Amino acid sequence: MEKPQILLLTHGGWGKALTESLKMIMGSVDFVHEIPLLPEVTFAEYYAKVDEYAAGMPEKSLIFTDVFGGTTTNAGAKIGRERNIKVVSGLNAPLMIEACTQIQYTGDCNFDVVLQQGQSSIIDVIGEVTKSMEKKES
């Protein structure tokens, strides 16, 4: 079975920069591909490009998008429904690290765990540090 892939759909190529940062942490992530949405591209053109790429994605692959309700997510949602590919909006580094770690080390990807990691990675840093300091003082 071919290992899952991750397709990043981002405005202006942000996904490429995130992938380069991820390589600093994890090394090669050759199963991650990005299709940037550029200002001159129409929805129909973008959709066609994403659909063409998604047609070759193996089972359990994922699509990550940057902005819920934006063109990238709208294209991803339409393709995800048509091709039975899970789609997550709200791309962030911990989400990527979890998905890439699973794929890299197991050759598989547990969508529910990846989604939970992405959701739980949004943290009020000052609030958490303050709570930690208060516990130490007690």
C-alpha atoms as a PDB file:
ATOM      1  CA  MET A   1       0.000   0.000   0.000  1.00  0.00           C
ATOM      2  CA  GLU A   2       1.320   3.401  -0.971  1.00  0.00           C
ATOM      3  CA  LYS A   3       1.810   5.786   1.957  1.00  0.00           C
ATOM      4  CA  PRO A   4      -0.643   8.678   2.310  1.00  0.00           C
ATOM      5  CA  GLN A   5       0.199  12.123   1.000  1.00  0.00           C
ATOM      6  CA  ILE A   6      -0.555  15.576   2.336  1.00  0.00           C
ATOM      7  CA  LEU A   7      -1.736  18.263  -0.058  1.00  0.00           C
ATOM      8  CA  LEU A   8      -1.469  21.839   1.210  1.00  0.00           C
ATOM      9  CA  LEU A   9      -3.806  24.425  -0.299  1.00  0.00           C
ATOM     10  CA  THR A  10      -2.668  27.882   0.757  1.00  0.00           C
ATOM     11  CA  HIS A  11      -2.905  31.501  -0.288  1.00  0.00           C
ATOM     12  CA  GLY A  12       0.264  32.857  -1.873  1.00  0.00           C
ATOM     13  CA  GLY A  13       2.420  29.816  -1.256  1.00  0.00           C
ATOM     14  CA  TRP A  14       2.475  29.903   2.539  1.00  0.00           C
ATOM     15  CA  GLY A  15       2.410  26.098   2.543  1.00  0.00           C
ATOM     16  CA  LYS A  16       5.789  25.936   0.810  1.00  0.00           C
ATOM     17  CA  ALA A  17       7.394  28.036   3.554  1.00  0.00           C
ATOM     18  CA  LEU A  18       5.769  25.860   6.220  1.00  0.00           C
ATOM     19  CA  THR A  19       7.056  22.732   4.478  1.00  0.00           C
ATOM     20  CA  GLU A  20      10.592  24.145   4.381  1.00  0.00           C
ATOM     21  CA  SER A  21      10.380  24.843   8.124  1.00  0.00           C
ATOM     22  CA  LEU A  22       9.066  21.344   8.700  1.00  0.00           C
ATOM     23  CA  LYS A  23      12.101  19.907   6.887  1.00  0.00           C
ATOM     24  CA  MET A  24      14.317  21.636   9.474  1.00  0.00           C
ATOM     25  CA  ILE A  25      12.512  19.697  12.209  1.00  0.00           C
ATOM     26  CA  MET A  26      11.863  16.344  10.542  1.00  0.00           C
ATOM     27  CA  GLY A  27      14.094  16.018   7.506  1.00  0.00           C
ATOM     28  CA  SER A  28      12.592  14.912   4.200  1.00  0.00           C
ATOM     29  CA  VAL A  29       8.818  15.095   3.830  1.00  0.00           C
ATOM     30  CA  ASP A  30       8.582  14.062   0.199  1.00  0.00           C
ATOM     31  CA  PHE A  31       4.927  13.095   0.637  1.00  0.00           C
ATOM     32  CA  VAL A  32       3.891  16.745   1.203  1.00  0.00           C
ATOM     33  CA  HIS A  33       2.870  18.801  -1.850  1.00  0.00           C
ATOM     34  CA  GLU A  34       1.576  22.349  -2.015  1.00  0.00           C
ATOM     35  CA  ILE A  35      -0.606  24.045  -4.593  1.00  0.00           C
ATOM     36  CA  PRO A  36      -0.546  27.790  -3.983  1.00  0.00           C
ATOM     37  CA  LEU A  37      -3.481  30.020  -4.799  1.00  0.00           C
ATOM     38  CA  LEU A  38      -2.126  33.078  -6.591  1.00  0.00           C
ATOM     39  CA  PRO A  39      -4.070  36.328  -7.181  1.00  0.00           C
ATOM     40  CA  GLU A  40      -4.326  35.869 -10.952  1.00  0.00           C
ATOM     41  CA  VAL A  41      -5.830  32.344 -10.751  1.00  0.00           C
ATOM     42  CA  THR A  42      -9.601  31.901 -10.949  1.00  0.00           C
ATOM     43  CA  PHE A  43     -11.488  29.416  -8.791  1.00  0.00           C
ATOM     44  CA  ALA A  44     -12.129  27.191 -11.820  1.00  0.00           C
ATOM     45  CA  GLU A  45      -8.415  27.148 -12.739  1.00  0.00           C
ATOM     46  CA  TYR A  46      -7.380  26.454  -9.156  1.00  0.00           C
ATOM     47  CA  TYR A  47      -9.986  23.747  -8.724  1.00  0.00           C
ATOM     48  CA  ALA A  48      -8.837  22.026 -11.921  1.00  0.00           C
ATOM     49  CA  LYS A  49      -5.203  22.061 -10.793  1.00  0.00           C
ATOM     50  CA  VAL A  50      -6.060  20.675  -7.346  1.00  0.00           C
ATOM     51  CA  ASP A  51      -8.427  18.057  -8.760  1.00  0.00           C
ATOM     52  CA  GLU A  52      -5.786  16.837 -11.207  1.00  0.00           C
ATOM     53  CA  TYR A  53      -3.269  16.371  -8.401  1.00  0.00           C
ATOM     54  CA  ALA A  54      -5.800  14.801  -5.995  1.00  0.00           C
ATOM     55  CA  ALA A  55      -6.744  12.194  -8.606  1.00  0.00           C
ATOM     56  CA  GLY A  56      -3.389  10.498  -7.999  1.00  0.00           C
ATOM     57  CA  MET A  57      -3.398  10.623  -4.192  1.00  0.00           C
ATOM     58  CA  PRO A  58      -3.448   7.242  -2.395  1.00  0.00           C
ATOM     59  CA  GLU A  59      -5.949   6.188   0.284  1.00  0.00           C
ATOM     60  CA  LYS A  60      -5.870   7.988   3.641  1.00  0.00           C
ATOM     61  CA  SER A  61      -4.251  11.058   2.089  1.00  0.00           C
ATOM     62  CA  LEU A  62      -5.169  14.432   3.551  1.00  0.00           C
ATOM     63  CA  ILE A  63      -5.812  17.944   2.296  1.00  0.00           C
ATOM     64  CA  PHE A  64      -4.898  20.818   4.634  1.00  0.00           C
ATOM     65  CA  THR A  65      -6.109  24.343   3.899  1.00  0.00           C
ATOM     66  CA  ASP A  66      -5.264  27.679   5.446  1.00  0.00           C
ATOM     67  CA  VAL A  67      -8.502  29.697   5.757  1.00  0.00           C
ATOM     68  CA  PHE A  68     -11.960  28.268   6.392  1.00  0.00           C
ATOM     69  CA  GLY A  69     -14.426  29.711   3.888  1.00  0.00           C
ATOM     70  CA  GLY A  70     -11.675  30.827   1.513  1.00  0.00           C
ATOM     71  CA  THR A  71     -11.030  29.646  -2.016  1.00  0.00           C
ATOM     72  CA  THR A  72      -8.446  27.091  -0.885  1.00  0.00           C
ATOM     73  CA  THR A  73     -10.893  25.472   1.530  1.00  0.00           C
ATOM     74  CA  ASN A  74     -13.792  25.648  -0.910  1.00  0.00           C
ATOM     75  CA  ALA A  75     -11.744  23.841  -3.568  1.00  0.00           C
ATOM     76  CA  GLY A  76     -10.479  21.319  -1.009  1.00  0.00           C
ATOM     77  CA  ALA A  77     -13.965  20.640   0.341  1.00  0.00           C
ATOM     78  CA  LYS A  78     -15.432  20.021  -3.107  1.00  0.00           C
ATOM     79  CA  ILE A  79     -12.596  17.691  -4.079  1.00  0.00           C
ATOM     80  CA  GLY A  80     -12.587  15.980  -0.676  1.00  0.00           C
ATOM     81  CA  ARG A  81     -16.266  15.108  -1.017  1.00  0.00           C
ATOM     82  CA  GLU A  82     -15.879  13.907  -4.589  1.00  0.00           C
ATOM     83  CA  ARG A  83     -12.739  11.836  -3.930  1.00  0.00           C
ATOM     84  CA  ASN A  84     -13.339  10.754  -0.322  1.00  0.00           C
ATOM     85  CA  ILE A  85     -10.299  12.640   0.998  1.00  0.00           C
ATOM     86  CA  LYS A  86     -10.338  14.128   4.507  1.00  0.00           C
ATOM     87  CA  VAL A  87      -9.913  17.918   4.561  1.00  0.00           C
ATOM     88  CA  VAL A  88      -8.785  20.067   7.508  1.00  0.00           C
ATOM     89  CA  SER A  89      -8.861  23.858   7.567  1.00  0.00           C
ATOM     90  CA  GLY A  90      -6.684  25.782   9.994  1.00  0.00           C
ATOM     91  CA  LEU A  91      -3.247  24.638   8.888  1.00  0.00           C
ATOM     92  CA  ASN A  92      -0.591  24.936  11.593  1.00  0.00           C
ATOM     93  CA  ALA A  93       2.826  23.460  12.359  1.00  0.00           C
ATOM     94  CA  PRO A  94       1.759  21.013  15.131  1.00  0.00           C
ATOM     95  CA  LEU A  95      -0.943  19.627  12.822  1.00  0.00           C
ATOM     96  CA  MET A  96       1.681  19.093  10.119  1.00  0.00           C
ATOM     97  CA  ILE A  97       4.207  17.571  12.513  1.00  0.00           C
ATOM     98  CA  GLU A  98       1.653  15.051  13.802  1.00  0.00           C
ATOM     99  CA  ALA A  99       0.504  14.007  10.327  1.00  0.00           C
ATOM    100  CA  CYS A 100       4.037  13.824   8.934  1.00  0.00           C
ATOM    101  CA  THR A 101       5.335  11.879  11.931  1.00  0.00           C
ATOM    102  CA  GLN A 102       2.578   9.300  11.534  1.00  0.00           C
ATOM    103  CA  ILE A 103       3.164   8.928   7.804  1.00  0.00           C
ATOM    104  CA  GLN A 104       6.951   8.891   8.110  1.00  0.00           C
ATOM    105  CA  TYR A 105       7.134   6.295  10.888  1.00  0.00           C
ATOM    106  CA  THR A 106       4.079   4.105  10.302  1.00  0.00           C
ATOM    107  CA  GLY A 107       3.240   4.631   6.635  1.00  0.00           C
ATOM    108  CA  ASP A 108      -0.308   5.383   7.753  1.00  0.00           C
ATOM    109  CA  CYS A 109      -2.269   8.324   9.118  1.00  0.00           C
ATOM    110  CA  ASN A 110      -4.959   8.431  11.822  1.00  0.00           C
ATOM    111  CA  PHE A 111      -7.141  11.383  10.841  1.00  0.00           C
ATOM    112  CA  ASP A 112      -8.825  11.744  14.236  1.00  0.00           C
ATOM    113  CA  VAL A 113      -5.498  11.992  16.073  1.00  0.00           C
ATOM    114  CA  VAL A 114      -4.149  14.507  13.547  1.00  0.00           C
ATOM    115  CA  LEU A 115      -7.285  16.650  13.826  1.00  0.00           C
ATOM    116  CA  GLN A 116      -7.187  16.547  17.637  1.00  0.00           C
ATOM    117  CA  GLN A 117      -3.510  17.577  17.662  1.00  0.00           C
ATOM    118  CA  GLY A 118      -4.204  20.522  15.359  1.00  0.00           C
ATOM    119  CA  GLN A 119      -7.130  21.663  17.488  1.00  0.00           C
ATOM    120  CA  SER A 120      -5.302  21.329  20.797  1.00  0.00           C
ATOM    121  CA  SER A 121      -2.211  23.164  19.580  1.00  0.00           C
ATOM    122  CA  ILE A 122      -3.796  26.597  19.922  1.00  0.00           C
ATOM    123  CA  ILE A 123      -2.590  27.761  23.328  1.00  0.00           C
ATOM    124  CA  ASP A 124      -2.719  30.975  25.365  1.00  0.00           C
ATOM    125  CA  VAL A 125       0.996  31.005  26.189  1.00  0.00           C
ATOM    126  CA  ILE A 126       0.887  33.720  28.874  1.00  0.00           C
ATOM    127  CA  GLY A 127      -2.123  32.067  30.498  1.00  0.00           C
ATOM    128  CA  GLU A 128      -0.394  28.671  30.591  1.00  0.00           C
ATOM    129  CA  VAL A 129       2.865  30.098  31.947  1.00  0.00           C
ATOM    130  CA  THR A 130       0.939  32.020  34.615  1.00  0.00           C
ATOM    131  CA  LYS A 131      -0.936  28.860  35.678  1.00  0.00           C
ATOM    132  CA  SER A 132       2.332  26.929  35.833  1.00  0.00           C
ATOM    133  CA  MET A 133       3.968  29.617  37.980  1.00  0.00           C
ATOM    134  CA  GLU A 134       0.963  29.714  40.323  1.00  0.00           C
ATOM    135  CA  LYS A 135       1.187  25.935  40.812  1.00  0.00           C
ATOM    136  CA  LYS A 136       4.879  26.202  41.717  1.00  0.00           C
ATOM    137  CA  GLU A 137       4.139  28.908  44.299  1.00  0.00           C
ATOM    138  CA  SER A 138       1.461  26.777  46.007  1.00  0.00           C
END
